[in-house]
Protein backbone atom coordinates (compact mmCIF):
# COMPACT_ATOMS: atom_id res chain seq x y z
CA UNK A 1 109.71 85.14 37.51
CA UNK A 2 109.69 84.96 41.29
CA UNK A 3 112.74 85.90 43.33
CA UNK A 4 114.65 83.15 45.11
CA UNK A 5 113.87 82.85 48.80
CA UNK A 6 116.67 84.17 51.01
CA UNK A 7 115.24 82.68 54.18
CA UNK A 8 117.40 80.03 55.85
CA UNK A 9 116.36 76.42 55.66
CA UNK A 10 115.73 74.34 58.77
CA UNK A 11 119.23 72.90 58.56
CA UNK A 12 120.67 76.38 58.13
CA UNK A 13 118.82 77.66 61.21
CA UNK A 14 120.12 74.73 63.29
CA UNK A 15 123.65 75.37 62.06
CA UNK A 16 123.37 79.10 62.89
CA UNK A 17 122.10 78.36 66.40
CA UNK A 18 124.87 75.85 67.00
CA UNK A 19 127.47 78.35 65.79
CA UNK A 20 126.01 81.01 68.09
CA UNK A 21 126.16 78.67 71.10
CA UNK A 22 129.80 77.83 70.37
CA UNK A 23 130.68 81.51 69.99
CA UNK A 24 128.91 82.40 73.26
CA UNK A 25 130.68 79.56 75.09
CA UNK A 26 134.06 80.74 73.81
CA UNK A 27 133.25 84.37 74.72
CA UNK A 28 132.15 83.35 78.24
CA UNK A 29 135.36 81.37 78.75
CA UNK A 30 137.44 84.33 77.62
CA UNK A 31 135.56 86.73 79.91
CA UNK A 32 135.91 84.41 82.90
CA UNK A 33 139.64 84.14 82.26
CA UNK A 34 139.78 87.94 82.37
CA UNK A 35 137.90 88.01 85.69
CA UNK A 36 134.45 88.95 84.41
CA UNK A 37 131.68 86.99 86.12
CA UNK A 38 128.22 86.95 84.47
CA UNK A 39 125.55 88.62 86.62
CA UNK A 40 122.49 87.25 84.82
CA UNK A 41 119.75 86.24 87.28
CA UNK A 42 119.13 82.60 87.97
CA UNK A 43 116.38 81.18 85.74
CA UNK A 44 113.09 80.06 87.21
CA UNK A 45 113.18 76.36 88.08
CA UNK A 46 111.55 74.05 85.56
CA UNK A 47 110.56 71.30 87.97
CA UNK A 48 107.49 69.78 89.52
CA UNK A 49 106.11 70.77 92.90
CA UNK A 50 108.47 69.96 95.81
CA UNK A 51 105.54 68.87 97.99
CA UNK A 52 104.98 65.12 98.01
CA UNK A 53 101.88 65.04 100.23
CA UNK A 54 98.93 67.25 101.07
CA UNK A 55 100.27 67.61 104.62
CA UNK A 56 103.56 69.07 103.38
CA UNK A 57 101.78 71.63 101.21
CA UNK A 58 99.43 72.59 104.04
CA UNK A 59 102.36 73.01 106.45
CA UNK A 60 104.18 75.26 103.97
CA UNK A 61 101.08 77.42 103.44
CA UNK A 62 100.50 77.71 107.19
CA UNK A 63 104.12 78.75 107.71
CA UNK A 64 103.81 81.50 105.07
CA UNK A 65 100.54 82.76 106.56
CA UNK A 66 101.97 82.75 110.09
CA UNK A 67 104.89 84.94 109.00
CA UNK A 68 102.50 87.43 107.39
CA UNK A 69 100.24 87.31 110.43
CA UNK A 70 103.10 88.39 112.72
CA UNK A 71 103.56 91.51 110.60
CA UNK A 72 99.82 92.19 110.55
CA UNK A 73 99.53 91.84 114.32
CA UNK A 74 102.40 94.28 114.78
CA UNK A 75 101.35 97.04 112.38
CA UNK A 76 97.61 96.73 111.77
CA UNK A 77 96.29 97.57 115.28
CA UNK A 78 97.90 101.01 115.26
CA UNK A 79 96.89 101.61 111.65
CA UNK A 80 93.29 100.52 112.15
CA UNK A 81 93.08 102.54 115.36
CA UNK A 82 94.12 105.66 113.47
CA UNK A 83 91.74 104.91 110.60
CA UNK A 84 88.90 104.57 113.10
CA UNK A 85 89.41 108.20 114.14
CA UNK A 86 88.68 109.50 110.63
CA UNK A 87 85.19 111.07 110.41
CA UNK A 88 82.78 108.82 108.53
CA UNK A 89 81.03 110.81 105.74
CA UNK A 90 78.24 108.22 105.27
CA UNK A 91 74.64 108.54 106.43
CA UNK A 92 74.48 106.84 109.87
CA UNK A 93 71.08 105.36 109.00
CA UNK A 94 72.50 103.52 105.99
CA UNK A 95 75.73 102.18 107.46
CA UNK A 96 76.08 98.43 107.28
CA UNK A 97 79.84 98.01 107.59
CA UNK A 98 82.29 99.73 109.89
CA UNK A 99 84.65 102.33 108.47
CA UNK A 100 87.69 100.23 109.36
CA UNK A 101 86.21 97.16 107.61
CA UNK A 102 85.73 99.12 104.40
CA UNK A 103 89.22 100.61 104.50
CA UNK A 104 90.73 97.21 105.25
CA UNK A 105 88.76 95.90 102.27
CA UNK A 106 90.34 98.60 100.14
CA UNK A 107 93.81 97.69 101.39
CA UNK A 108 93.28 94.06 100.45
CA UNK A 109 92.01 95.12 97.04
CA UNK A 110 95.36 96.78 96.33
CA UNK A 111 97.39 94.03 98.02
CA UNK A 112 95.88 91.43 95.68
CA UNK A 113 96.26 93.88 92.75
CA UNK A 114 92.74 93.61 91.38
CA UNK A 115 92.28 95.71 88.27
CA UNK A 116 88.63 96.67 88.73
CA UNK A 117 85.74 96.72 91.19
CA UNK A 118 83.99 93.98 89.25
CA UNK A 119 87.00 91.70 89.62
CA UNK A 120 87.12 92.53 93.32
CA UNK A 121 83.46 91.60 93.76
CA UNK A 122 84.00 88.36 91.86
CA UNK A 123 87.10 87.20 93.71
CA UNK A 124 86.88 88.65 97.23
CA UNK A 125 83.30 87.73 98.06
CA UNK A 126 83.80 83.97 97.94
CA UNK A 127 82.81 82.03 101.10
CA UNK A 128 86.30 80.56 101.56
CA UNK A 129 87.85 84.03 101.40
CA UNK A 130 85.46 85.26 104.10
CA UNK A 131 86.24 82.24 106.28
CA UNK A 132 89.99 82.82 105.98
CA UNK A 133 89.61 86.54 106.66
CA UNK A 134 87.53 85.90 109.78
CA UNK A 135 90.39 83.83 111.22
CA UNK A 136 92.47 87.03 111.28
CA UNK A 137 89.64 89.51 111.91
CA UNK A 138 86.78 87.86 113.81
CA UNK A 139 84.83 91.14 113.93
CA UNK A 140 84.12 90.94 110.18
CA UNK A 141 80.63 89.49 109.72
CA UNK A 142 79.92 90.16 106.06
CA UNK A 143 81.93 91.38 103.08
CA UNK A 144 81.05 94.74 101.51
CA UNK A 145 80.43 95.53 97.87
CA UNK A 146 83.22 97.31 95.98
CA UNK A 147 80.82 100.12 95.00
CA UNK A 148 80.33 100.84 98.71
CA UNK A 149 84.07 101.34 99.04
CA UNK A 150 84.03 103.64 96.00
CA UNK A 151 81.37 105.89 97.51
CA UNK A 152 83.29 106.05 100.79
CA UNK A 153 86.59 107.01 99.14
CA UNK A 154 84.77 109.59 97.03
CA UNK A 155 83.59 111.53 100.09
CA UNK A 156 86.20 110.78 102.79
CA UNK A 157 88.90 113.22 103.86
CA UNK A 158 91.88 111.96 101.87
CA UNK A 159 94.34 114.09 103.84
CA UNK A 160 93.67 112.02 106.95
CA UNK A 161 94.07 108.79 104.96
CA UNK A 162 97.44 110.01 103.73
CA UNK A 163 98.45 111.01 107.25
CA UNK A 164 97.69 107.49 108.49
CA UNK A 165 99.94 106.09 105.77
CA UNK A 166 102.72 108.56 106.58
CA UNK A 167 102.51 107.66 110.26
CA UNK A 168 102.85 103.97 109.35
CA UNK A 169 106.02 104.70 107.37
CA UNK A 170 107.28 106.86 110.22
CA UNK A 171 106.86 103.95 112.63
CA UNK A 172 108.84 101.70 110.29
CA UNK A 173 111.64 104.27 110.17
CA UNK A 174 111.68 104.84 113.94
CA UNK A 175 111.66 101.09 114.51
CA UNK A 176 114.86 100.88 112.42
CA UNK A 177 113.23 98.35 110.10
CA UNK A 178 114.99 99.87 107.06
CA UNK A 179 118.31 100.78 108.68
CA UNK A 180 120.24 98.10 106.77
CA UNK A 181 119.18 99.60 103.43
CA UNK A 182 120.35 103.16 104.01
CA UNK A 183 122.85 104.80 101.64
CA UNK A 184 125.46 107.03 103.27
CA UNK A 185 123.23 107.03 106.39
CA UNK A 186 120.39 108.52 104.32
CA UNK A 187 116.99 107.21 103.29
CA UNK A 188 116.91 106.93 99.47
CA UNK A 189 113.74 108.51 98.09
CA UNK A 190 113.02 108.32 94.36
CA UNK A 191 110.74 110.97 92.88
CA UNK A 192 109.25 110.49 89.43
CA UNK A 193 106.05 111.22 87.55
CA UNK A 194 103.71 108.73 85.92
CA UNK A 195 100.53 108.91 83.89
CA UNK A 196 97.64 107.01 85.42
CA UNK A 197 94.94 107.17 82.75
CA UNK A 198 93.94 109.15 79.66
CA UNK A 199 90.79 109.71 77.62
CA UNK A 200 88.97 112.04 75.24
CA UNK A 201 86.38 113.19 77.81
CA UNK A 202 86.89 116.06 80.25
CA UNK A 203 85.35 114.33 83.25
CA UNK A 204 87.09 116.58 85.82
CA UNK A 205 88.30 120.16 85.58
CA UNK A 206 91.66 119.26 87.17
CA UNK A 207 92.73 117.10 84.20
CA UNK A 208 95.74 118.06 82.12
CA UNK A 209 95.34 118.18 78.35
CA UNK A 210 97.42 117.71 75.21
CA UNK A 211 96.93 117.46 71.46
CA UNK A 212 97.51 114.03 69.92
CA UNK A 213 97.13 112.42 66.50
CA UNK A 214 98.04 113.43 62.97
CA UNK A 215 96.48 116.23 60.93
CA UNK A 216 93.29 114.40 60.00
CA UNK A 217 92.80 112.82 63.43
CA UNK A 218 94.20 115.57 65.65
CA UNK A 219 92.19 115.98 68.84
CA UNK A 220 92.50 116.96 72.51
CA UNK A 221 93.28 114.25 75.04
CA UNK A 222 92.85 114.60 78.80
CA UNK A 223 95.00 112.68 81.26
CA UNK A 224 95.87 112.23 84.95
CA UNK A 225 99.51 112.70 85.91
CA UNK A 226 100.93 112.11 89.39
CA UNK A 227 104.34 112.88 90.88
CA UNK A 228 105.21 110.16 93.38
CA UNK A 229 107.86 109.94 96.10
CA UNK A 230 108.82 106.45 97.26
CA UNK A 231 111.44 104.92 99.49
CA UNK A 232 113.53 102.88 97.01
CA UNK A 233 116.03 100.44 98.51
CA UNK A 234 118.81 98.56 96.75
CA UNK A 235 117.20 95.16 97.37
CA UNK A 236 114.21 96.10 95.20
CA UNK A 237 111.83 97.01 98.04
CA UNK A 238 109.76 100.13 97.28
CA UNK A 239 107.52 101.81 99.87
CA UNK A 240 105.21 104.56 98.51
CA UNK A 241 105.46 107.73 100.57
CA UNK A 242 103.69 110.76 99.05
CA UNK A 243 101.79 111.63 95.89
CA UNK A 244 101.26 115.02 94.27
CA UNK A 245 98.65 115.35 91.52
CA UNK A 246 99.28 117.73 88.65
CA UNK A 247 96.26 119.98 88.12
CA UNK A 248 95.48 122.25 85.19
CA UNK A 249 94.56 125.22 87.41
CA UNK A 250 97.91 125.13 89.25
CA UNK A 251 99.86 126.16 86.15
CA UNK A 252 100.73 129.65 84.91
CA UNK A 253 97.42 130.97 83.61
CA UNK A 254 98.92 134.22 82.30
CA UNK A 255 101.44 132.36 80.15
CA UNK A 256 98.83 129.76 79.14
CA UNK A 257 100.90 126.97 80.73
CA UNK A 258 99.38 124.13 82.67
CA UNK A 259 100.90 122.38 85.67
CA UNK A 260 104.22 120.55 85.19
CA UNK A 261 106.56 118.25 87.11
CA UNK A 262 108.82 121.12 88.17
CA UNK A 263 105.96 122.93 89.91
CA UNK A 264 104.69 119.69 91.42
CA UNK A 265 108.20 118.90 92.69
CA UNK A 266 108.28 122.21 94.58
CA UNK A 267 104.98 121.39 96.27
CA UNK A 268 105.96 117.79 96.98
CA UNK A 269 109.36 118.72 98.43
CA UNK A 270 107.71 121.26 100.77
CA UNK A 271 105.32 118.58 102.02
CA UNK A 272 108.15 116.09 102.42
CA UNK A 273 110.18 118.56 104.48
CA UNK A 274 107.16 119.39 106.64
CA UNK A 275 106.33 115.75 107.37
CA UNK A 276 109.96 114.62 107.88
CA UNK A 277 111.84 117.75 108.99
CA UNK A 278 114.92 115.97 110.41
CA UNK A 279 115.00 112.79 108.33
CA UNK A 280 118.31 112.37 106.43
CA UNK A 281 117.25 111.98 102.80
CA UNK A 282 119.01 111.11 99.57
CA UNK A 283 116.88 112.12 96.57
CA UNK A 284 117.15 109.98 93.41
CA UNK A 285 116.01 111.99 90.37
CA UNK A 286 116.03 111.58 86.60
CA UNK A 287 117.43 114.01 84.05
CA UNK A 288 114.36 116.26 84.10
CA UNK A 289 115.48 117.68 87.48
CA UNK A 290 119.06 118.49 86.52
CA UNK A 291 118.70 122.24 86.97
CA UNK A 292 119.78 124.89 89.43
CA UNK A 293 116.47 125.60 91.25
CA UNK A 294 115.88 121.92 92.04
CA UNK A 295 119.40 121.34 93.33
CA UNK A 296 119.32 124.56 95.34
CA UNK A 297 116.03 123.50 96.91
CA UNK A 298 117.58 120.16 97.92
CA UNK A 299 120.61 121.80 99.49
CA UNK A 300 118.48 124.28 101.42
CA UNK A 301 116.49 121.35 102.83
CA UNK A 302 119.80 119.66 103.81
CA UNK A 303 119.12 116.75 101.47
CA UNK A 304 121.67 114.83 99.46
CA UNK A 305 120.88 114.05 95.83
CA UNK A 306 121.92 111.93 92.87
CA UNK A 307 120.54 113.29 89.58
CA UNK A 308 120.93 111.84 86.10
CA UNK A 309 122.68 114.29 83.76
CA UNK A 310 121.89 114.04 80.07
CA UNK A 311 124.30 115.06 77.33
CA UNK A 312 122.17 118.02 76.22
CA UNK A 313 121.74 119.52 79.72
CA UNK A 314 124.02 121.93 81.65
CA UNK A 315 126.52 122.56 78.85
CA UNK A 316 128.77 124.66 81.12
CA UNK A 317 129.07 121.75 83.57
CA UNK A 318 130.14 119.42 80.76
CA UNK A 319 132.73 121.98 79.62
CA UNK A 320 134.13 122.25 83.13
CA UNK A 321 134.28 118.46 83.37
CA UNK A 322 136.35 118.15 80.20
CA UNK A 323 138.69 120.99 81.15
CA UNK A 324 139.31 119.90 84.75
CA UNK A 325 139.57 116.23 83.84
CA UNK A 326 142.28 117.04 81.32
CA UNK A 327 144.29 118.86 84.00
CA UNK A 328 143.83 116.28 86.75
CA UNK A 329 142.28 113.00 85.61
CA UNK A 330 140.54 110.94 88.29
CA UNK A 331 139.57 107.51 86.96
CA UNK A 332 138.69 104.04 88.20
CA UNK A 333 138.23 100.94 86.08
CA UNK A 334 136.33 97.88 87.22
CA UNK A 335 134.31 94.98 85.93
CA UNK A 336 130.64 94.48 86.55
CA UNK A 337 129.24 91.24 85.22
CA UNK A 338 130.34 90.97 81.60
CA UNK A 339 130.90 94.69 81.24
CA UNK A 340 133.95 96.89 81.65
CA UNK A 341 133.26 100.13 83.47
CA UNK A 342 135.40 103.25 83.27
CA UNK A 343 134.55 105.87 85.91
CA UNK A 344 135.80 109.44 85.76
CA UNK A 345 134.77 112.26 88.05
CA UNK A 346 135.40 115.88 88.93
CA UNK A 347 134.51 117.61 92.21
CA UNK A 348 133.61 121.22 92.96
CA UNK A 349 132.41 122.27 89.52
CA UNK A 350 131.22 125.87 89.63
CA UNK A 351 127.72 126.15 88.14
CA UNK A 352 125.96 129.50 87.68
CA UNK A 353 122.25 129.87 86.93
CA UNK A 354 119.37 132.36 87.19
CA UNK A 355 119.49 135.83 85.65
CA UNK A 356 123.06 137.01 84.95
CA UNK A 357 124.37 133.94 86.79
CA UNK A 358 123.77 135.46 90.22
CA UNK A 359 123.08 132.03 91.77
CA UNK A 360 126.01 129.62 92.08
CA UNK A 361 126.40 126.02 93.20
CA UNK A 362 129.28 123.59 93.65
CA UNK A 363 128.51 120.32 91.89
CA UNK A 364 130.20 116.94 91.66
CA UNK A 365 129.90 114.98 88.42
CA UNK A 366 130.70 111.32 87.73
CA UNK A 367 130.63 109.66 84.31
CA UNK A 368 130.51 105.90 83.73
CA UNK A 369 131.42 104.51 80.32
CA UNK A 370 130.48 100.86 79.83
CA UNK A 371 131.52 98.40 77.14
CA UNK A 372 130.94 94.71 76.64
CA UNK A 373 130.81 92.06 73.95
CA UNK A 374 127.95 89.79 73.01
CA UNK A 375 127.04 87.39 70.21
CA UNK A 376 124.26 88.58 67.89
CA UNK A 377 121.79 86.42 65.97
CA UNK A 378 124.25 85.99 63.09
CA UNK A 379 126.87 84.56 65.50
CA UNK A 380 129.02 87.68 65.21
CA UNK A 381 130.82 89.29 68.11
CA UNK A 382 129.59 92.85 68.58
CA UNK A 383 130.69 95.44 71.14
CA UNK A 384 128.03 97.43 72.98
CA UNK A 385 128.88 100.75 74.60
CA UNK A 386 126.93 103.16 76.78
CA UNK A 387 127.57 106.22 78.89
CA UNK A 388 125.86 107.37 82.08
CA UNK A 389 126.39 110.52 84.11
CA UNK A 390 125.15 111.68 87.52
CA UNK A 391 125.29 114.88 89.53
CA UNK A 392 126.10 114.29 93.19
CA UNK A 393 125.72 116.59 96.16
CA UNK A 394 128.62 114.84 97.94
CA UNK A 395 132.29 114.98 96.85
CA UNK A 396 133.42 111.81 95.08
CA UNK A 397 136.53 109.77 95.73
CA UNK A 398 138.06 106.54 94.56
CA UNK A 399 136.61 104.66 97.52
CA UNK A 400 132.94 105.60 97.02
CA UNK A 401 132.59 106.55 93.34
């Protein structure tokens, strides 16, 4: 005998959805009465094209291109002039395209976010694309093949390419183009690692390795991992700055340990300080960097930092937070969207690290506890809670917590 179906009927599903909408409407009204304003982003418009004629569409496209052209005319001459000074590793007898044309081709490949060289050849070699590109760069006669760009990037001096990019960012900073996005008069730089690709073939000796799979399918996998530093502004704009590749040979060979993010961070921070020795910087780091050596390195470089602190890290700092907060509580409550936020913080926490605790730092810790209600699929009101904590290099107060 078969079991009765417990799935809702069509009428039951409609009734459940209607009940959920009524519950959400009542919850929104209650939250608005309490002063909570929803912060959900505006939905994408579901309407037809606003252009009524071909002339209107053409005028809008020309306006968008003209705005981009002003930026290109301002920044590209200096960038292309610097790229032209890079030694060309190609055979002079086989050169068909200028070095700057190939590098500009590579820039456009990343601007349009093509996933492969084949897609680049298919999309960027069309006659209309060449005609549009020649309006901006009349010196371009023909379009190169993506494999030509690959061979150039394989042999070119990448350090000079990176220096050209750094100089471009330096011009943006000196021109005060990002001044409105600074935090506490500092340039916010986020540093984080990311895996680029992985495979089962050791196609380069620099690749990192790990063991993956279960017992019967366990095997060695090789992967590329990069630590990246980027200017990250509060409006969502991100400008890549520096990259540091993790290499197997740069690890601790005596302890049989390969390269890691901590070692790469030391190398990347040294390069960052060398390239921008007097730039006021605020480092934004995740919980992996909540340790004494990293924070000490930041302070010695005269950098501010905000580091995520996880519950399992720096147990002595958490103990000091609870003890000092019990003696002198410092709290602020506020609403953000539909959530209630409870901030508590403690300044000048004494943190000891290294052997026998001979190294000491003064840290500032802030904890944010969030709570909010929402309606689940069964039209029930549920309360969601979360907690976040950050280590700050600057003392906290009620005005800037």
